[in-house]
Amino acid sequence: MRTTIYILSFCLSMSLPFVVQAQELIQGIVFDKETKQRIGKVIITNLNQQTEFYNNVRGEFKISPNPGDVLVASRDGFNSDTVVFDQQSVILFNLKRSIIYISEVNVVARKSPEEILKQEKESFNKAYRLADPGSLFSVGQTGAGLSISSIYNLLSKEGRNARRLTEIIERNYQENFVDYRFSPDLVNNITGLEGDMLRRFMSNYRPSYEFTRAANQYELSQYIKSKYILFKLNPNLRHLPALPVIKMDVNN
């Protein structure tokens, strides 16, 4: 009986360090692999113990793993990272972004499309006044009547020419807006294309003004990536340009 007690005591004394070790809280931190900044709201999963929890906003967490436990850190927008616990004093996860966001770069020396449009409106102020005849009716001391100046602006050759000019300015603004967002620098950063291949890609897959106006930076980047996949299938393919819309003015 006494021998049995000695054996049990010996077994308990040998297993105690492992029990204590299993209950010890180990600190950990989650980093962005590229920027080295800490990442919060990451799910930490212990696959062996079937437990999971979030780290804090500073990217830190505490966990009680057993030696050999497989730990996984995961978050939307990042590839998961896996660590096998081998009695490290600190557990470090490094998550790599699965989606690359490219921020817009504002070049100080380059005017925005809005600035160019504003400048042209100021330069051609008279044309804009003639292009917009205003209300055809006027109210005077003798009552309501037709506005002679508005009718003149609407029907005169000078008024028609002014409207043509403002339409050209508006089209130029739309083209400048597409150029501003769908820039060679942006396409080069995403695709790596340069020189003639870059110019060919941008000519073949130039987005419309409506899409460029509505799309955010991520959507525009995804558009370029999808078109680049098509471009790589046949880089020498040249798209025919769209037929121009011709407006006939029979009164001129």
Foldseek 3Di string as FASTA:
>chain_A
DVVVVVVVVVVCVVCVVQVVLLPDKAKEFEAAQPPRATAFQKWKAFPVVGDIDTAHRRRMDIDRHHQQTKIWIDDPQWDIFIDGDHPDNYHYHHTYGPADFDDDDDDPVDDALVVVLVVVCVVPVVLVCLLQLDDQWDQDPVGIDGDPSSVCSVPPPSNVVSVVVVVVSVVVSLVRNLCNLVDLVLLCVLQVDDDPLSVQLCQQQRDGSVCSVPDDRRRVSVSSVVSVVVCVVPVPDHDDDDDDDDDDDPVD
